[in-house]
C-alpha atoms as a PDB file:
ATOM      1  CA  MET A   1      72.322 103.042 229.249  1.00  0.00           C
ATOM      2  CA  ASN A   2      70.193 100.592 231.085  1.00  0.00           C
ATOM      3  CA  ILE A   3      67.294  98.648 228.995  1.00  0.00           C
ATOM      4  CA  SER A   4      64.118  98.059 230.929  1.00  0.00           C
ATOM      5  CA  THR A   5      62.635  94.448 231.490  1.00  0.00           C
ATOM      6  CA  SER A   6      59.804  95.261 229.577  1.00  0.00           C
ATOM      7  CA  GLU A   7      62.256  96.042 226.685  1.00  0.00           C
ATOM      8  CA  GLN A   8      64.225  93.052 226.857  1.00  0.00           C
ATOM      9  CA  SER A   9      61.204  91.095 226.931  1.00  0.00           C
ATOM     10  CA  VAL A  10      60.225  92.378 223.602  1.00  0.00           C
ATOM     11  CA  ILE A  11      63.533  92.077 222.234  1.00  0.00           C
ATOM     12  CA  ARG A  12      63.762  88.376 223.932  1.00  0.00           C
ATOM     13  CA  PHE A  13      60.189  87.782 222.057  1.00  0.00           C
ATOM     14  CA  SER A  14      61.187  89.055 218.891  1.00  0.00           C
ATOM     15  CA  SER A  15      64.424  87.068 218.702  1.00  0.00           C
ATOM     16  CA  THR A  16      62.173  83.792 219.752  1.00  0.00           C
ATOM     17  CA  VAL A  17      59.700  84.682 216.920  1.00  0.00           C
ATOM     18  CA  ARG A  18      62.570  85.089 214.377  1.00  0.00           C
ATOM     19  CA  SER A  19      64.567  81.889 215.622  1.00  0.00           C
ATOM     20  CA  GLU A  20      61.126  79.918 215.325  1.00  0.00           C
ATOM     21  CA  PHE A  21      60.389  81.470 212.038  1.00  0.00           C
ATOM     22  CA  MET A  22      63.838  80.775 210.512  1.00  0.00           C
ATOM     23  CA  LYS A  23      63.937  77.164 211.520  1.00  0.00           C
ATOM     24  CA  ILE A  24      60.336  76.335 210.037  1.00  0.00           C
ATOM     25  CA  PHE A  25      59.766  78.494 207.212  1.00  0.00           C
ATOM     26  CA  PHE A  26      63.286  77.278 205.499  1.00  0.00           C
ATOM     27  CA  HIS A  27      63.353  73.923 206.351  1.00  0.00           C
ATOM     28  CA  PRO A  28      64.366  71.664 203.064  1.00  0.00           C
ATOM     29  CA  THR A  29      60.947  69.572 203.854  1.00  0.00           C
ATOM     30  CA  ILE A  30      58.752  72.705 204.351  1.00  0.00           C
ATOM     31  CA  VAL A  31      60.125  74.135 201.190  1.00  0.00           C
ATOM     32  CA  LEU A  32      59.460  71.032 198.966  1.00  0.00           C
ATOM     33  CA  PHE A  33      56.100  70.951 199.806  1.00  0.00           C
ATOM     34  CA  ILE A  34      55.282  74.681 199.741  1.00  0.00           C
ATOM     35  CA  ILE A  35      56.662  74.219 195.927  1.00  0.00           C
ATOM     36  CA  ILE A  36      54.788  70.993 195.495  1.00  0.00           C
ATOM     37  CA  THR A  37      51.350  72.825 196.102  1.00  0.00           C
ATOM     38  CA  MET A  38      52.345  76.055 194.170  1.00  0.00           C
ATOM     39  CA  ILE A  39      53.080  73.730 191.315  1.00  0.00           C
ATOM     40  CA  VAL A  40      50.038  71.787 191.491  1.00  0.00           C
ATOM     41  CA  ASN A  41      47.464  74.713 192.211  1.00  0.00           C
ATOM     42  CA  LEU A  42      49.341  76.619 189.178  1.00  0.00           C
ATOM     43  CA  GLY A  43      48.927  73.572 186.821  1.00  0.00           C
ATOM     44  CA  ILE A  44      45.278  73.855 187.907  1.00  0.00           C
ATOM     45  CA  ALA A  45      44.535  77.300 187.076  1.00  0.00           C
ATOM     46  CA  ILE A  46      46.367  76.872 183.741  1.00  0.00           C
ATOM     47  CA  VAL A  47      43.574  73.884 183.177  1.00  0.00           C
ATOM     48  CA  ASP A  48      41.143  76.075 184.185  1.00  0.00           C
ATOM     49  CA  ALA A  49      42.417  79.365 182.595  1.00  0.00           C
ATOM     50  CA  SER A  50      42.463  77.273 178.764  1.00  0.00           C
ATOM     51  CA  GLY A  51      39.095  76.908 179.074  1.00  0.00           C
ATOM     52  CA  LEU A  52      38.910  73.031 178.901  1.00  0.00           C
ATOM     53  CA  GLY A  53      35.482  71.814 179.714  1.00  0.00           C
ATOM     54  CA  PHE A  54      34.376  68.700 181.410  1.00  0.00           C
ATOM     55  CA  TYR A  55      31.096  67.085 181.354  1.00  0.00           C
ATOM     56  CA  THR A  56      29.553  65.115 184.496  1.00  0.00           C
ATOM     57  CA  GLY A  57      26.260  63.161 184.471  1.00  0.00           C
ATOM     58  CA  ASP A  58      23.618  64.885 182.372  1.00  0.00           C
ATOM     59  CA  GLU A  59      25.152  68.267 181.790  1.00  0.00           C
ATOM     60  CA  VAL A  60      24.271  70.393 178.660  1.00  0.00           C
ATOM     61  CA  THR A  61      27.582  72.295 179.087  1.00  0.00           C
ATOM     62  CA  PRO A  62      30.547  71.790 180.133  1.00  0.00           C
ATOM     63  CA  SER A  63      31.919  72.631 183.323  1.00  0.00           C
ATOM     64  CA  LYS A  64      35.424  74.365 184.060  1.00  0.00           C
ATOM     65  CA  VAL A  65      37.884  72.564 186.675  1.00  0.00           C
ATOM     66  CA  SER A  66      37.231  75.593 189.107  1.00  0.00           C
ATOM     67  CA  ASP A  67      33.614  74.409 189.398  1.00  0.00           C
ATOM     68  CA  PHE A  68      34.969  71.271 191.220  1.00  0.00           C
ATOM     69  CA  GLY A  69      35.332  72.311 195.116  1.00  0.00           C
ATOM     70  CA  MET A  70      37.067  68.847 195.887  1.00  0.00           C
ATOM     71  CA  VAL A  71      39.660  69.330 193.113  1.00  0.00           C
ATOM     72  CA  MET A  72      40.359  72.699 194.097  1.00  0.00           C
ATOM     73  CA  PHE A  73      40.702  72.228 197.502  1.00  0.00           C
ATOM     74  CA  ALA A  74      43.052  68.983 197.288  1.00  0.00           C
ATOM     75  CA  PRO A  75      46.103  70.817 197.070  1.00  0.00           C
ATOM     76  CA  ILE A  76      46.032  72.082 200.690  1.00  0.00           C
ATOM     77  CA  TYR A  77      46.844  68.788 202.171  1.00  0.00           C
ATOM     78  CA  ALA A  78      50.120  69.144 200.734  1.00  0.00           C
ATOM     79  CA  PHE A  79      50.502  72.599 202.007  1.00  0.00           C
ATOM     80  CA  LEU A  80      49.316  71.340 205.888  1.00  0.00           C
ATOM     81  CA  ILE A  81      52.877  69.415 205.760  1.00  0.00           C
ATOM     82  CA  LEU A  82      54.190  73.204 207.038  1.00  0.00           C
ATOM     83  CA  PRO A  83      51.898  73.599 210.055  1.00  0.00           C
ATOM     84  CA  VAL A  84      52.329  69.957 210.783  1.00  0.00           C
ATOM     85  CA  TYR A  85      56.178  69.169 210.303  1.00  0.00           C
ATOM     86  CA  ALA A  86      56.588  72.885 212.485  1.00  0.00           C
ATOM     87  CA  ALA A  87      54.444  71.712 215.458  1.00  0.00           C
ATOM     88  CA  SER A  88      55.920  67.974 215.370  1.00  0.00           C
ATOM     89  CA  SER A  89      59.634  67.913 213.931  1.00  0.00           C
ATOM     90  CA  GLU A  90      60.866  68.861 217.515  1.00  0.00           C
ATOM     91  CA  TYR A  91      60.105  65.979 219.462  1.00  0.00           C
ATOM     92  CA  GLN A  92      62.147  63.952 216.779  1.00  0.00           C
ATOM     93  CA  GLY A  93      65.827  63.652 217.784  1.00  0.00           C
ATOM     94  CA  GLY A  94      65.892  65.350 221.378  1.00  0.00           C
ATOM     95  CA  GLN A  95      65.297  69.200 219.482  1.00  0.00           C
ATOM     96  CA  TYR A  96      62.382  69.839 221.931  1.00  0.00           C
ATOM     97  CA  ARG A  97      64.701  69.653 224.709  1.00  0.00           C
ATOM     98  CA  MET A  98      67.213  72.150 223.309  1.00  0.00           C
ATOM     99  CA  THR A  99      64.721  74.654 222.527  1.00  0.00           C
ATOM    100  CA  LEU A 100      63.359  74.611 225.930  1.00  0.00           C
ATOM    101  CA  THR A 101      66.931  74.971 227.286  1.00  0.00           C
ATOM    102  CA  ALA A 102      67.601  77.932 224.875  1.00  0.00           C
ATOM    103  CA  THR A 103      63.742  79.556 225.771  1.00  0.00           C
ATOM    104  CA  PRO A 104      62.867  78.157 229.210  1.00  0.00           C
ATOM    105  CA  ASN A 105      59.669  80.474 229.565  1.00  0.00           C
ATOM    106  CA  ARG A 106      57.424  78.332 228.186  1.00  0.00           C
ATOM    107  CA  GLN A 107      54.538  80.815 227.587  1.00  0.00           C
ATOM    108  CA  ARG A 108      56.978  83.230 225.777  1.00  0.00           C
ATOM    109  CA  LEU A 109      58.256  80.046 224.033  1.00  0.00           C
ATOM    110  CA  MET A 110      54.476  79.101 222.630  1.00  0.00           C
ATOM    111  CA  ASN A 111      53.687  82.349 221.956  1.00  0.00           C
ATOM    112  CA  GLY A 112      56.679  83.031 219.618  1.00  0.00           C
ATOM    113  CA  LYS A 113      55.761  79.661 217.843  1.00  0.00           C
ATOM    114  CA  VAL A 114      52.497  80.739 217.383  1.00  0.00           C
ATOM    115  CA  VAL A 115      53.579  84.180 215.678  1.00  0.00           C
ATOM    116  CA  ALA A 116      56.034  82.184 213.978  1.00  0.00           C
ATOM    117  CA  VAL A 117      54.161  79.830 212.391  1.00  0.00           C
ATOM    118  CA  VAL A 118      51.563  82.311 211.438  1.00  0.00           C
ATOM    119  CA  LEU A 119      54.144  84.310 209.297  1.00  0.00           C
ATOM    120  CA  ALA A 120      55.499  81.174 207.900  1.00  0.00           C
ATOM    121  CA  ILE A 121      51.770  80.030 206.848  1.00  0.00           C
ATOM    122  CA  LEU A 122      51.327  83.681 205.320  1.00  0.00           C
ATOM    123  CA  GLY A 123      54.787  83.532 203.601  1.00  0.00           C
ATOM    124  CA  GLY A 124      53.685  79.994 201.650  1.00  0.00           C
ATOM    125  CA  ILE A 125      50.411  81.237 201.026  1.00  0.00           C
ATOM    126  CA  LEU A 126      51.936  84.205 199.347  1.00  0.00           C
ATOM    127  CA  VAL A 127      53.825  81.701 196.933  1.00  0.00           C
ATOM    128  CA  ALA A 128      51.393  78.841 196.826  1.00  0.00           C
ATOM    129  CA  ILE A 129      48.286  79.723 196.539  1.00  0.00           C
ATOM    130  CA  ILE A 130      47.985  83.639 195.411  1.00  0.00           C
ATOM    131  CA  PRO A 131      49.714  83.090 192.082  1.00  0.00           C
ATOM    132  CA  SER A 132      46.997  80.465 190.860  1.00  0.00           C
ATOM    133  CA  ARG A 133      44.367  82.829 191.927  1.00  0.00           C
ATOM    134  CA  LEU A 134      45.280  85.430 190.420  1.00  0.00           C
ATOM    135  CA  ILE A 135      45.480  83.697 186.654  1.00  0.00           C
ATOM    136  CA  ILE A 136      42.074  82.022 187.465  1.00  0.00           C
ATOM    137  CA  ASN A 137      40.610  85.288 188.029  1.00  0.00           C
ATOM    138  CA  ILE A 138      42.242  87.282 185.814  1.00  0.00           C
ATOM    139  CA  PHE A 139      41.456  84.834 182.707  1.00  0.00           C
ATOM    140  CA  SER A 140      37.744  84.808 184.434  1.00  0.00           C
ATOM    141  CA  ASP A 141      37.577  88.936 183.587  1.00  0.00           C
ATOM    142  CA  VAL A 142      36.202  89.456 187.186  1.00  0.00           C
ATOM    143  CA  SER A 143      36.285  92.887 188.886  1.00  0.00           C
ATOM    144  CA  MET A 144      39.260  93.965 191.071  1.00  0.00           C
ATOM    145  CA  SER A 145      36.568  94.124 194.262  1.00  0.00           C
ATOM    146  CA  TYR A 146      35.467  89.905 193.304  1.00  0.00           C
ATOM    147  CA  MET A 147      39.584  89.267 193.128  1.00  0.00           C
ATOM    148  CA  LEU A 148      40.161  90.752 196.677  1.00  0.00           C
ATOM    149  CA  ILE A 149      37.509  88.717 198.116  1.00  0.00           C
ATOM    150  CA  ASP A 150      38.294  85.784 196.519  1.00  0.00           C
ATOM    151  CA  ILE A 151      42.361  86.006 197.423  1.00  0.00           C
ATOM    152  CA  THR A 152      41.019  87.100 201.055  1.00  0.00           C
ATOM    153  CA  ARG A 153      38.800  83.414 201.393  1.00  0.00           C
ATOM    154  CA  TRP A 154      41.674  81.447 199.929  1.00  0.00           C
ATOM    155  CA  THR A 155      44.100  83.016 202.307  1.00  0.00           C
ATOM    156  CA  ALA A 156      41.500  82.421 205.623  1.00  0.00           C
ATOM    157  CA  VAL A 157      41.138  78.925 204.294  1.00  0.00           C
ATOM    158  CA  TYR A 158      44.508  77.954 204.035  1.00  0.00           C
ATOM    159  CA  LEU A 159      45.312  79.828 207.231  1.00  0.00           C
ATOM    160  CA  LEU A 160      42.737  78.442 209.509  1.00  0.00           C
ATOM    161  CA  MET A 161      43.101  75.437 208.124  1.00  0.00           C
ATOM    162  CA  SER A 162      47.033  75.189 208.734  1.00  0.00           C
ATOM    163  CA  ILE A 163      46.128  76.530 212.296  1.00  0.00           C
ATOM    164  CA  ILE A 164      44.088  73.606 213.106  1.00  0.00           C
ATOM    165  CA  ALA A 165      46.572  71.307 211.645  1.00  0.00           C
ATOM    166  CA  PHE A 166      49.141  72.865 213.402  1.00  0.00           C
ATOM    167  CA  SER A 167      47.590  72.478 217.092  1.00  0.00           C
ATOM    168  CA  ILE A 168      46.364  69.561 216.463  1.00  0.00           C
ATOM    169  CA  ALA A 169      50.157  68.121 215.359  1.00  0.00           C
ATOM    170  CA  GLY A 170      51.314  69.817 218.513  1.00  0.00           C
ATOM    171  CA  THR A 171      48.734  68.195 220.902  1.00  0.00           C
ATOM    172  CA  THR A 172      49.640  64.988 220.020  1.00  0.00           C
ATOM    173  CA  ARG A 173      52.994  65.251 218.853  1.00  0.00           C
ATOM    174  CA  SER A 174      52.790  63.450 215.761  1.00  0.00           C
ATOM    175  CA  THR A 175      52.861  64.213 211.968  1.00  0.00           C
ATOM    176  CA  ILE A 176      50.568  61.354 210.959  1.00  0.00           C
ATOM    177  CA  VAL A 177      47.910  61.747 213.409  1.00  0.00           C
ATOM    178  CA  PRO A 178      46.761  65.344 212.074  1.00  0.00           C
ATOM    179  CA  LEU A 179      46.648  64.480 208.589  1.00  0.00           C
ATOM    180  CA  SER A 180      45.408  61.196 209.097  1.00  0.00           C
ATOM    181  CA  ILE A 181      41.981  63.058 210.525  1.00  0.00           C
ATOM    182  CA  LEU A 182      42.175  65.692 208.000  1.00  0.00           C
ATOM    183  CA  ILE A 183      42.567  63.876 205.196  1.00  0.00           C
ATOM    184  CA  MET A 184      40.365  60.876 206.328  1.00  0.00           C
ATOM    185  CA  ILE A 185      37.098  62.894 207.230  1.00  0.00           C
ATOM    186  CA  PRO A 186      36.604  64.007 203.602  1.00  0.00           C
ATOM    187  CA  ILE A 187      36.807  60.595 202.193  1.00  0.00           C
ATOM    188  CA  PHE A 188      34.564  59.130 204.610  1.00  0.00           C
ATOM    189  CA  ILE A 189      31.683  61.645 203.890  1.00  0.00           C
ATOM    190  CA  GLY A 190      32.310  61.025 199.882  1.00  0.00           C
ATOM    191  CA  THR A 191      31.701  57.233 200.552  1.00  0.00           C
ATOM    192  CA  GLY A 192      28.590  57.959 202.448  1.00  0.00           C
ATOM    193  CA  ILE A 193      29.776  56.019 205.642  1.00  0.00           C
ATOM    194  CA  LEU A 194      28.614  59.042 207.721  1.00  0.00           C
ATOM    195  CA  GLN A 195      24.845  60.151 207.337  1.00  0.00           C
ATOM    196  CA  TRP A 196      24.780  63.337 209.105  1.00  0.00           C
ATOM    197  CA  PRO A 197      24.714  66.245 206.548  1.00  0.00           C
ATOM    198  CA  LYS A 198      23.621  68.840 209.145  1.00  0.00           C
ATOM    199  CA  GLY A 199      26.559  68.027 211.315  1.00  0.00           C
ATOM    200  CA  LEU A 200      28.841  67.020 209.160  1.00  0.00           C
ATOM    201  CA  ARG A 201      28.839  70.692 207.335  1.00  0.00           C
ATOM    202  CA  PHE A 202      30.198  71.983 210.214  1.00  0.00           C
ATOM    203  CA  LEU A 203      33.685  70.108 209.737  1.00  0.00           C
ATOM    204  CA  PRO A 204      36.656  71.944 209.068  1.00  0.00           C
ATOM    205  CA  ASP A 205      37.031  70.699 205.137  1.00  0.00           C
ATOM    206  CA  GLN A 206      33.232  71.230 204.498  1.00  0.00           C
ATOM    207  CA  ALA A 207      33.220  74.772 206.235  1.00  0.00           C
ATOM    208  CA  SER A 208      36.367  75.364 204.126  1.00  0.00           C
ATOM    209  CA  MET A 209      34.786  74.740 201.001  1.00  0.00           C
ATOM    210  CA  SER A 210      31.594  76.785 201.715  1.00  0.00           C
ATOM    211  CA  LEU A 211      33.746  79.636 202.555  1.00  0.00           C
ATOM    212  CA  LEU A 212      35.174  79.086 199.013  1.00  0.00           C
ATOM    213  CA  GLY A 213      31.961  79.055 197.205  1.00  0.00           C
ATOM    214  CA  THR A 214      32.094  75.561 195.897  1.00  0.00           C
ATOM    215  CA  PRO A 215      30.634  73.210 198.797  1.00  0.00           C
ATOM    216  CA  ALA A 216      31.230  69.748 198.322  1.00  0.00           C
ATOM    217  CA  TYR A 217      27.749  68.988 198.416  1.00  0.00           C
ATOM    218  CA  GLU A 218      24.608  71.143 198.682  1.00  0.00           C
ATOM    219  CA  VAL A 219      23.438  69.209 202.001  1.00  0.00           C
ATOM    220  CA  THR A 220      26.642  70.317 203.536  1.00  0.00           C
ATOM    221  CA  GLU A 221      26.705  74.132 202.248  1.00  0.00           C
ATOM    222  CA  LEU A 222      26.888  77.103 204.813  1.00  0.00           C
ATOM    223  CA  PRO A 223      26.748  80.546 204.190  1.00  0.00           C
ATOM    224  CA  PRO A 224      30.190  82.293 203.948  1.00  0.00           C
ATOM    225  CA  TRP A 225      30.076  84.007 207.143  1.00  0.00           C
ATOM    226  CA  ILE A 226      28.963  80.901 209.234  1.00  0.00           C
ATOM    227  CA  ALA A 227      31.533  78.923 207.506  1.00  0.00           C
ATOM    228  CA  PHE A 228      34.072  81.456 208.514  1.00  0.00           C
ATOM    229  CA  PHE A 229      32.977  81.350 212.038  1.00  0.00           C
ATOM    230  CA  THR A 230      33.012  77.659 212.073  1.00  0.00           C
ATOM    231  CA  LEU A 231      36.584  77.334 211.027  1.00  0.00           C
ATOM    232  CA  PHE A 232      37.753  80.147 213.166  1.00  0.00           C
ATOM    233  CA  VAL A 233      36.144  78.168 216.016  1.00  0.00           C
ATOM    234  CA  TRP A 234      37.849  74.853 215.354  1.00  0.00           C
ATOM    235  CA  ALA A 235      41.165  77.141 215.048  1.00  0.00           C
ATOM    236  CA  LEU A 236      40.987  78.681 218.320  1.00  0.00           C
ATOM    237  CA  ILE A 237      39.585  75.574 220.232  1.00  0.00           C
ATOM    238  CA  CYS A 238      42.766  73.461 218.644  1.00  0.00           C
ATOM    239  CA  THR A 239      44.846  76.445 219.206  1.00  0.00           C
ATOM    240  CA  ILE A 240      44.012  76.631 223.031  1.00  0.00           C
ATOM    241  CA  ALA A 241      44.312  72.899 223.450  1.00  0.00           C
ATOM    242  CA  TYR A 242      47.718  72.825 222.169  1.00  0.00           C
ATOM    243  CA  TRP A 243      48.690  76.019 223.830  1.00  0.00           C
ATOM    244  CA  LEU A 244      47.487  74.464 227.311  1.00  0.00           C
ATOM    245  CA  SER A 245      49.159  71.085 226.859  1.00  0.00           C
ATOM    246  CA  PHE A 246      52.227  72.639 225.979  1.00  0.00           C
ATOM    247  CA  LEU A 247      52.595  74.683 229.352  1.00  0.00           C
ATOM    248  CA  GLN A 248      51.730  71.634 231.401  1.00  0.00           C
ATOM    249  CA  ARG A 249      53.241  68.749 229.949  1.00  0.00           C
ATOM    250  CA  ASP A 250      56.730  67.311 230.481  1.00  0.00           C
ATOM    251  CA  SER A 251      59.319  67.799 228.223  1.00  0.00           C
END
């Protein structure tokens, strides 16, 4: 029985996705940082569920740890090792040339990488983020609809921020560059070096915290749907840039 060309392409693409996913998701470094993110998020969730309060400034009533957007958002930087390492590790030790030898069709390879990394990110989110969000929401006695919206928001933020990091790492062929960019931006904003709140609120980290409902500062807050659209546009632009550079540059 002959297999059509389209069926062969589907099989080859599925094999590419499977190969890239296994290479990403089960790498010891990636597994380690998924576990670290999970532990940190669970620790924050337990502190929040315990009812421990914190007084800041002239507040009369204490705040819970979940009221501090930057604290809740911080563990994502450990999680971003997953996409960054997935995109940049192949350029170490000649692995990239071996991958191209196995899958010389760059377009199919790139498509397979994107699908595989999205699946790996969603798997990491299932382990590292959702359990902690369930703990916080259950002990906050919120409705089921609110819980689903909250989990969807956190999933969207982790997914889109990871795609941005993945694309920057792939474009620059570096592990350090994307993490430096994504970590230094909130540091510069926090120190007040960059004084342009109307523009800064459209940066990925600020849009992420607005989408989560815990903006870092009032002047950088965006409505949730605008924040989501901002993150989506960042992810789309970065992915296109990586896709084009991957297809055109030398190995």
